[in-house]
PDB file of N, CA and C in Angstrom:
ATOM      1  N   MET A   1       9.981  14.573  30.307  1.00  0.00           N
ATOM      2  CA  MET A   1       9.839  13.390  29.999  1.00  0.00           C
ATOM      3  C   MET A   1       9.317  13.172  28.954  1.00  0.00           C
ATOM      4  N   GLU A   2       9.768  12.436  27.931  1.00  0.00           N
ATOM      5  CA  GLU A   2       9.294  12.142  26.361  1.00  0.00           C
ATOM      6  C   GLU A   2       8.072  11.933  26.212  1.00  0.00           C
ATOM      7  N   VAL A   3       7.387  12.108  25.195  1.00  0.00           N
ATOM      8  CA  VAL A   3       5.879  11.649  24.643  1.00  0.00           C
ATOM      9  C   VAL A   3       6.799  10.317  23.686  1.00  0.00           C
ATOM     10  N   PRO A   4       6.499   8.871  23.635  1.00  0.00           N
ATOM     11  CA  PRO A   4       6.622   8.176  22.771  1.00  0.00           C
ATOM     12  C   PRO A   4       6.008   8.510  21.388  1.00  0.00           C
ATOM     13  N   GLN A   5       6.645   8.508  20.295  1.00  0.00           N
ATOM     14  CA  GLN A   5       5.995   8.802  19.207  1.00  0.00           C
ATOM     15  C   GLN A   5       5.419   7.518  18.649  1.00  0.00           C
ATOM     16  N   PRO A   6       3.972   7.914  17.851  1.00  0.00           N
ATOM     17  CA  PRO A   6       3.232   6.522  17.424  1.00  0.00           C
ATOM     18  C   PRO A   6       4.027   5.978  16.144  1.00  0.00           C
ATOM     19  N   LEU A   7       3.972   4.625  16.145  1.00  0.00           N
ATOM     20  CA  LEU A   7       4.431   3.918  15.113  1.00  0.00           C
ATOM     21  C   LEU A   7       3.744   4.164  14.022  1.00  0.00           C
ATOM     22  N   LYS A   8       4.970   4.029  12.830  1.00  0.00           N
ATOM     23  CA  LYS A   8       4.150   4.586  11.559  1.00  0.00           C
ATOM     24  C   LYS A   8       3.624   2.972  10.765  1.00  0.00           C
ATOM     25  N   LEU A   9       2.880   3.252   9.766  1.00  0.00           N
ATOM     26  CA  LEU A   9       2.450   2.373   8.906  1.00  0.00           C
ATOM     27  C   LEU A   9       3.087   1.280   8.781  1.00  0.00           C
ATOM     28  N   LEU A  10       4.032   1.182   8.303  1.00  0.00           N
ATOM     29  CA  LEU A  10       5.104   0.233   7.893  1.00  0.00           C
ATOM     30  C   LEU A  10       5.527  -0.566   8.984  1.00  0.00           C
ATOM     31  N   ASP A  11       6.153   0.462  10.170  1.00  0.00           N
ATOM     32  CA  ASP A  11       6.488  -0.232  11.509  1.00  0.00           C
ATOM     33  C   ASP A  11       5.285  -1.434  12.241  1.00  0.00           C
ATOM     34  N   LEU A  12       3.835  -0.610  11.766  1.00  0.00           N
ATOM     35  CA  LEU A  12       3.095  -1.522  12.431  1.00  0.00           C
ATOM     36  C   LEU A  12       2.699  -2.418  11.404  1.00  0.00           C
ATOM     37  N   VAL A  13       2.910  -2.553  10.006  1.00  0.00           N
ATOM     38  CA  VAL A  13       2.533  -3.876   9.468  1.00  0.00           C
ATOM     39  C   VAL A  13       3.684  -4.683   9.831  1.00  0.00           C
ATOM     40  N   ARG A  14       4.760  -4.403   9.536  1.00  0.00           N
ATOM     41  CA  ARG A  14       6.301  -5.106  10.051  1.00  0.00           C
ATOM     42  C   ARG A  14       5.581  -5.969  11.199  1.00  0.00           C
ATOM     43  N   GLN A  15       5.220  -5.098  12.208  1.00  0.00           N
ATOM     44  CA  GLN A  15       4.814  -6.165  13.406  1.00  0.00           C
ATOM     45  C   GLN A  15       3.766  -6.971  12.977  1.00  0.00           C
ATOM     46  N   ALA A  16       2.980  -6.634  12.784  1.00  0.00           N
ATOM     47  CA  ALA A  16       1.704  -7.753  12.492  1.00  0.00           C
ATOM     48  C   ALA A  16       2.371  -8.902  11.726  1.00  0.00           C
ATOM     49  N   ILE A  17       3.213  -8.777  10.863  1.00  0.00           N
ATOM     50  CA  ILE A  17       3.800  -9.601   9.820  1.00  0.00           C
ATOM     51  C   ILE A  17       4.685 -10.785  10.802  1.00  0.00           C
ATOM     52  N   ARG A  18       5.203 -10.294  11.603  1.00  0.00           N
ATOM     53  CA  ARG A  18       6.077 -10.807  12.431  1.00  0.00           C
ATOM     54  C   ARG A  18       5.426 -11.646  13.704  1.00  0.00           C
ATOM     55  N   PHE A  19       4.461 -11.051  13.887  1.00  0.00           N
ATOM     56  CA  PHE A  19       3.121 -11.434  15.001  1.00  0.00           C
ATOM     57  C   PHE A  19       2.548 -12.608  14.359  1.00  0.00           C
ATOM     58  N   ARG A  20       2.633 -13.207  13.014  1.00  0.00           N
ATOM     59  CA  ARG A  20       2.015 -13.837  12.531  1.00  0.00           C
ATOM     60  C   ARG A  20       3.142 -15.063  11.992  1.00  0.00           C
ATOM     61  N   TYR A  21       4.317 -14.827  12.175  1.00  0.00           N
ATOM     62  CA  TYR A  21       5.675 -15.581  11.887  1.00  0.00           C
ATOM     63  C   TYR A  21       5.436 -15.957  10.110  1.00  0.00           C
ATOM     64  N   LEU A  22       5.318 -14.836   9.680  1.00  0.00           N
ATOM     65  CA  LEU A  22       5.431 -15.079   8.275  1.00  0.00           C
ATOM     66  C   LEU A  22       6.835 -15.055   8.180  1.00  0.00           C
ATOM     67  N   SER A  23       7.285 -15.080   6.848  1.00  0.00           N
ATOM     68  CA  SER A  23       8.776 -15.607   6.387  1.00  0.00           C
ATOM     69  C   SER A  23       8.976 -13.593   6.089  1.00  0.00           C
ATOM     70  N   ARG A  24      10.542 -13.810   5.841  1.00  0.00           N
ATOM     71  CA  ARG A  24      11.188 -12.482   5.744  1.00  0.00           C
ATOM     72  C   ARG A  24      10.748 -12.109   4.038  1.00  0.00           C
ATOM     73  N   LYS A  25      10.914 -13.060   3.378  1.00  0.00           N
ATOM     74  CA  LYS A  25      10.536 -12.598   2.007  1.00  0.00           C
ATOM     75  C   LYS A  25       8.895 -12.607   1.760  1.00  0.00           C
ATOM     76  N   THR A  26       7.994 -12.688   2.901  1.00  0.00           N
ATOM     77  CA  THR A  26       6.978 -12.353   2.699  1.00  0.00           C
ATOM     78  C   THR A  26       7.000 -10.816   3.042  1.00  0.00           C
ATOM     79  N   GLU A  27       7.446 -10.584   4.367  1.00  0.00           N
ATOM     80  CA  GLU A  27       7.377  -9.583   4.958  1.00  0.00           C
ATOM     81  C   GLU A  27       7.845  -8.593   3.693  1.00  0.00           C
ATOM     82  N   ASN A  28       8.876  -8.292   3.024  1.00  0.00           N
ATOM     83  CA  ASN A  28       9.577  -7.815   2.260  1.00  0.00           C
ATOM     84  C   ASN A  28       8.794  -7.391   1.110  1.00  0.00           C
ATOM     85  N   SER A  29       8.227  -8.372   0.562  1.00  0.00           N
ATOM     86  CA  SER A  29       7.099  -8.094  -0.446  1.00  0.00           C
ATOM     87  C   SER A  29       5.948  -7.312   0.066  1.00  0.00           C
ATOM     88  N   TYR A  30       5.501  -7.608   0.947  1.00  0.00           N
ATOM     89  CA  TYR A  30       3.939  -7.055   1.835  1.00  0.00           C
ATOM     90  C   TYR A  30       4.578  -5.485   1.571  1.00  0.00           C
ATOM     91  N   LEU A  31       5.397  -5.150   2.275  1.00  0.00           N
ATOM     92  CA  LEU A  31       6.334  -3.848   2.346  1.00  0.00           C
ATOM     93  C   LEU A  31       6.506  -3.134   1.181  1.00  0.00           C
ATOM     94  N   TYR A  32       6.668  -3.538   0.298  1.00  0.00           N
ATOM     95  CA  TYR A  32       7.266  -3.189  -0.911  1.00  0.00           C
ATOM     96  C   TYR A  32       6.214  -2.999  -1.633  1.00  0.00           C
ATOM     97  N   TYR A  33       5.133  -3.454  -1.810  1.00  0.00           N
ATOM     98  CA  TYR A  33       3.641  -3.238  -2.460  1.00  0.00           C
ATOM     99  C   TYR A  33       3.217  -2.168  -1.879  1.00  0.00           C
ATOM    100  N   ILE A  34       3.096  -2.171  -0.652  1.00  0.00           N
ATOM    101  CA  ILE A  34       2.380  -1.148   0.274  1.00  0.00           C
ATOM    102  C   ILE A  34       3.028   0.177   0.233  1.00  0.00           C
ATOM    103  N   ARG A  35       4.578   0.255   0.181  1.00  0.00           N
ATOM    104  CA  ARG A  35       5.062   1.434  -0.257  1.00  0.00           C
ATOM    105  C   ARG A  35       4.875   1.864  -1.691  1.00  0.00           C
ATOM    106  N   ASP A  36       5.205   1.168  -2.432  1.00  0.00           N
ATOM    107  CA  ASP A  36       4.450   1.473  -3.794  1.00  0.00           C
ATOM    108  C   ASP A  36       3.026   2.035  -4.178  1.00  0.00           C
ATOM    109  N   PHE A  37       2.421   1.297  -3.200  1.00  0.00           N
ATOM    110  CA  PHE A  37       0.827   2.021  -3.334  1.00  0.00           C
ATOM    111  C   PHE A  37       0.657   3.441  -2.697  1.00  0.00           C
ATOM    112  N   ILE A  38       1.553   3.645  -1.610  1.00  0.00           N
ATOM    113  CA  ILE A  38       1.474   4.655  -1.185  1.00  0.00           C
ATOM    114  C   ILE A  38       2.084   5.803  -1.776  1.00  0.00           C
ATOM    115  N   LEU A  39       3.131   5.617  -2.396  1.00  0.00           N
ATOM    116  CA  LEU A  39       4.207   6.550  -3.128  1.00  0.00           C
ATOM    117  C   LEU A  39       3.109   6.919  -4.577  1.00  0.00           C
ATOM    118  N   PHE A  40       2.536   5.649  -4.998  1.00  0.00           N
ATOM    119  CA  PHE A  40       1.683   6.117  -6.366  1.00  0.00           C
ATOM    120  C   PHE A  40       0.304   7.039  -6.331  1.00  0.00           C
ATOM    121  N   HIS A  41       0.137   6.937  -4.963  1.00  0.00           N
ATOM    122  CA  HIS A  41      -0.891   8.235  -4.132  1.00  0.00           C
ATOM    123  C   HIS A  41      -0.497   9.548  -4.137  1.00  0.00           C
ATOM    124  N   GLN A  42       0.981   9.561  -4.035  1.00  0.00           N
ATOM    125  CA  GLN A  42       1.435  10.859  -3.794  1.00  0.00           C
ATOM    126  C   GLN A  42       1.176  10.881  -2.333  1.00  0.00           C
ATOM    127  N   LYS A  43       1.258  10.220  -1.350  1.00  0.00           N
ATOM    128  CA  LYS A  43       1.415   9.996   0.059  1.00  0.00           C
ATOM    129  C   LYS A  43       0.315  10.486   0.750  1.00  0.00           C
ATOM    130  N   ARG A  44      -1.239  10.652  -0.065  1.00  0.00           N
ATOM    131  CA  ARG A  44      -2.290  11.425   0.034  1.00  0.00           C
ATOM    132  C   ARG A  44      -2.960  10.369   1.093  1.00  0.00           C
ATOM    133  N   HIS A  45      -3.421  11.349   2.622  1.00  0.00           N
ATOM    134  CA  HIS A  45      -4.161  10.048   3.392  1.00  0.00           C
ATOM    135  C   HIS A  45      -5.512   9.831   2.550  1.00  0.00           C
ATOM    136  N   PRO A  46      -5.956   8.628   2.951  1.00  0.00           N
ATOM    137  CA  PRO A  46      -7.511   7.962   2.596  1.00  0.00           C
ATOM    138  C   PRO A  46      -8.559   9.203   3.028  1.00  0.00           C
ATOM    139  N   GLY A  47      -8.469   9.927   4.236  1.00  0.00           N
ATOM    140  CA  GLY A  47      -9.493  10.645   4.530  1.00  0.00           C
ATOM    141  C   GLY A  47      -9.443  12.073   3.945  1.00  0.00           C
ATOM    142  N   ALA A  48      -8.286  12.294   3.051  1.00  0.00           N
ATOM    143  CA  ALA A  48      -8.084  13.349   2.331  1.00  0.00           C
ATOM    144  C   ALA A  48      -9.463  14.242   1.446  1.00  0.00           C
ATOM    145  N   PRO A  49      -9.594  14.989   1.414  1.00  0.00           N
ATOM    146  CA  PRO A  49     -10.873  15.539   0.329  1.00  0.00           C
ATOM    147  C   PRO A  49     -10.299  15.142  -1.012  1.00  0.00           C
ATOM    148  N   ARG A  50     -11.346  14.427  -1.720  1.00  0.00           N
ATOM    149  CA  ARG A  50     -10.966  13.960  -3.045  1.00  0.00           C
ATOM    150  C   ARG A  50     -12.314  14.257  -4.102  1.00  0.00           C
ATOM    151  N   GLN A  51     -12.404  13.927  -5.102  1.00  0.00           N
ATOM    152  CA  GLN A  51     -13.224  13.919  -6.036  1.00  0.00           C
ATOM    153  C   GLN A  51     -14.204  12.767  -5.893  1.00  0.00           C
ATOM    154  N   LYS A  52     -15.484  12.625  -6.394  1.00  0.00           N
ATOM    155  CA  LYS A  52     -16.244  11.762  -6.087  1.00  0.00           C
ATOM    156  C   LYS A  52     -15.868  10.194  -6.915  1.00  0.00           C
ATOM    157  N   ASP A  53     -15.695   9.262  -6.260  1.00  0.00           N
ATOM    158  CA  ASP A  53     -15.534   7.946  -7.019  1.00  0.00           C
ATOM    159  C   ASP A  53     -13.603   7.788  -7.222  1.00  0.00           C
ATOM    160  N   GLU A  54     -12.859   8.995  -6.791  1.00  0.00           N
ATOM    161  CA  GLU A  54     -11.646   9.005  -7.273  1.00  0.00           C
ATOM    162  C   GLU A  54     -10.696   7.751  -6.804  1.00  0.00           C
ATOM    163  N   GLY A  55     -11.173   7.482  -5.691  1.00  0.00           N
ATOM    164  CA  GLY A  55     -10.529   6.313  -4.652  1.00  0.00           C
ATOM    165  C   GLY A  55     -10.601   5.018  -5.222  1.00  0.00           C
ATOM    166  N   ARG A  56     -11.930   4.716  -5.869  1.00  0.00           N
ATOM    167  CA  ARG A  56     -11.887   3.354  -6.465  1.00  0.00           C
ATOM    168  C   ARG A  56     -11.004   3.143  -7.810  1.00  0.00           C
ATOM    169  N   ARG A  57     -11.201   4.361  -8.732  1.00  0.00           N
ATOM    170  CA  ARG A  57     -10.424   4.463  -9.816  1.00  0.00           C
ATOM    171  C   ARG A  57      -9.155   4.341  -9.729  1.00  0.00           C
ATOM    172  N   GLY A  58      -8.829   5.286  -8.758  1.00  0.00           N
ATOM    173  CA  GLY A  58      -7.103   5.478  -8.447  1.00  0.00           C
ATOM    174  C   GLY A  58      -6.717   4.129  -8.164  1.00  0.00           C
ATOM    175  N   ASN A  59      -7.415   3.305  -7.152  1.00  0.00           N
ATOM    176  CA  ASN A  59      -6.701   2.113  -6.759  1.00  0.00           C
ATOM    177  C   ASN A  59      -6.727   0.847  -8.160  1.00  0.00           C
ATOM    178  N   LEU A  60      -7.825   0.664  -9.179  1.00  0.00           N
ATOM    179  CA  LEU A  60      -7.677   0.253 -10.097  1.00  0.00           C
ATOM    180  C   LEU A  60      -6.753   0.451 -10.792  1.00  0.00           C
ATOM    181  N   LEU A  61      -6.150   2.013 -11.312  1.00  0.00           N
ATOM    182  CA  LEU A  61      -5.184   2.508 -11.782  1.00  0.00           C
ATOM    183  C   LEU A  61      -3.981   1.969 -11.708  1.00  0.00           C
ATOM    184  N   TRP A  62      -3.814   1.821 -10.247  1.00  0.00           N
ATOM    185  CA  TRP A  62      -2.488   1.351  -9.650  1.00  0.00           C
ATOM    186  C   TRP A  62      -2.583   0.015 -10.135  1.00  0.00           C
ATOM    187  N   ALA A  63      -3.491  -0.889  -9.991  1.00  0.00           N
ATOM    188  CA  ALA A  63      -3.409  -1.980 -10.120  1.00  0.00           C
ATOM    189  C   ALA A  63      -2.970  -2.600 -11.634  1.00  0.00           C
ATOM    190  N   LYS A  64      -3.307  -1.465 -12.547  1.00  0.00           N
ATOM    191  CA  LYS A  64      -3.061  -1.716 -13.923  1.00  0.00           C
ATOM    192  C   LYS A  64      -1.771  -1.344 -14.150  1.00  0.00           C
ATOM    193  N   VAL A  65      -1.191  -0.187 -13.969  1.00  0.00           N
ATOM    194  CA  VAL A  65       0.214   0.247 -13.663  1.00  0.00           C
ATOM    195  C   VAL A  65       1.225  -0.966 -13.517  1.00  0.00           C
ATOM    196  N   LEU A  66       0.962  -1.468 -11.794  1.00  0.00           N
ATOM    197  CA  LEU A  66       1.652  -2.473 -11.330  1.00  0.00           C
ATOM    198  C   LEU A  66       1.565  -3.881 -12.381  1.00  0.00           C
ATOM    199  N   ALA A  67       0.459  -4.067 -12.671  1.00  0.00           N
ATOM    200  CA  ALA A  67       0.199  -5.260 -13.566  1.00  0.00           C
ATOM    201  C   ALA A  67       1.153  -5.125 -15.380  1.00  0.00           C
ATOM    202  N   CYS A  68       1.111  -4.003 -15.615  1.00  0.00           N
ATOM    203  CA  CYS A  68       2.132  -3.628 -16.788  1.00  0.00           C
ATOM    204  C   CYS A  68       3.652  -3.431 -16.676  1.00  0.00           C
ATOM    205  N   ARG A  69       3.773  -2.797 -15.356  1.00  0.00           N
ATOM    206  CA  ARG A  69       5.214  -2.547 -14.847  1.00  0.00           C
ATOM    207  C   ARG A  69       5.951  -4.391 -14.930  1.00  0.00           C
ATOM    208  N   ASN A  70       4.710  -5.255 -14.218  1.00  0.00           N
ATOM    209  CA  ASN A  70       5.562  -6.675 -14.204  1.00  0.00           C
ATOM    210  C   ASN A  70       5.235  -7.709 -15.250  1.00  0.00           C
ATOM    211  N   GLY A  71       4.621  -7.164 -15.801  1.00  0.00           N
ATOM    212  CA  GLY A  71       4.207  -8.233 -17.320  1.00  0.00           C
ATOM    213  C   GLY A  71       3.099  -9.123 -16.841  1.00  0.00           C
ATOM    214  N   TRP A  72       2.164  -8.538 -15.811  1.00  0.00           N
ATOM    215  CA  TRP A  72       1.150  -9.573 -15.459  1.00  0.00           C
ATOM    216  C   TRP A  72       0.017  -9.194 -16.038  1.00  0.00           C
ATOM    217  N   VAL A  73      -1.029 -10.159 -16.176  1.00  0.00           N
ATOM    218  CA  VAL A  73      -2.346  -9.760 -17.040  1.00  0.00           C
ATOM    219  C   VAL A  73      -3.316  -9.390 -16.033  1.00  0.00           C
ATOM    220  N   ILE A  74      -3.996  -8.278 -16.493  1.00  0.00           N
ATOM    221  CA  ILE A  74      -4.902  -7.913 -15.734  1.00  0.00           C
ATOM    222  C   ILE A  74      -6.599  -7.767 -16.213  1.00  0.00           C
ATOM    223  N   SER A  75      -7.498  -8.470 -16.126  1.00  0.00           N
ATOM    224  CA  SER A  75      -8.965  -8.059 -16.511  1.00  0.00           C
ATOM    225  C   SER A  75      -9.493  -7.738 -15.437  1.00  0.00           C
ATOM    226  N   ALA A  76     -10.049  -6.715 -16.001  1.00  0.00           N
ATOM    227  CA  ALA A  76     -11.068  -5.345 -15.623  1.00  0.00           C
ATOM    228  C   ALA A  76     -11.456  -4.707 -15.912  1.00  0.00           C
ATOM    229  N   LYS A  77     -12.947  -4.806 -15.576  1.00  0.00           N
ATOM    230  CA  LYS A  77     -13.676  -3.701 -16.527  1.00  0.00           C
ATOM    231  C   LYS A  77     -13.731  -2.244 -15.772  1.00  0.00           C
ATOM    232  N   CYS A  78     -13.872  -1.137 -16.399  1.00  0.00           N
ATOM    233  CA  CYS A  78     -13.692   0.091 -15.369  1.00  0.00           C
ATOM    234  C   CYS A  78     -15.323   0.823 -15.528  1.00  0.00           C
TER     235      CYS A  78
END
């Protein structure tokens, strides 16, 4: 008897989006940004050991990179 594999994060997000009857375009946008966020942080688990306050600065850095890439304006104090 085979043990079922747990669903991956993006599959769980996809299920949650479809449960809420959001459009496919919204689903694709959410998945794109989640995947981009994960890859930007080099696939590290949130519970992985890290330096103090690195998580918050890393998220802000990701937002700045995302804004520059897309030509958006971001106003955030570091």
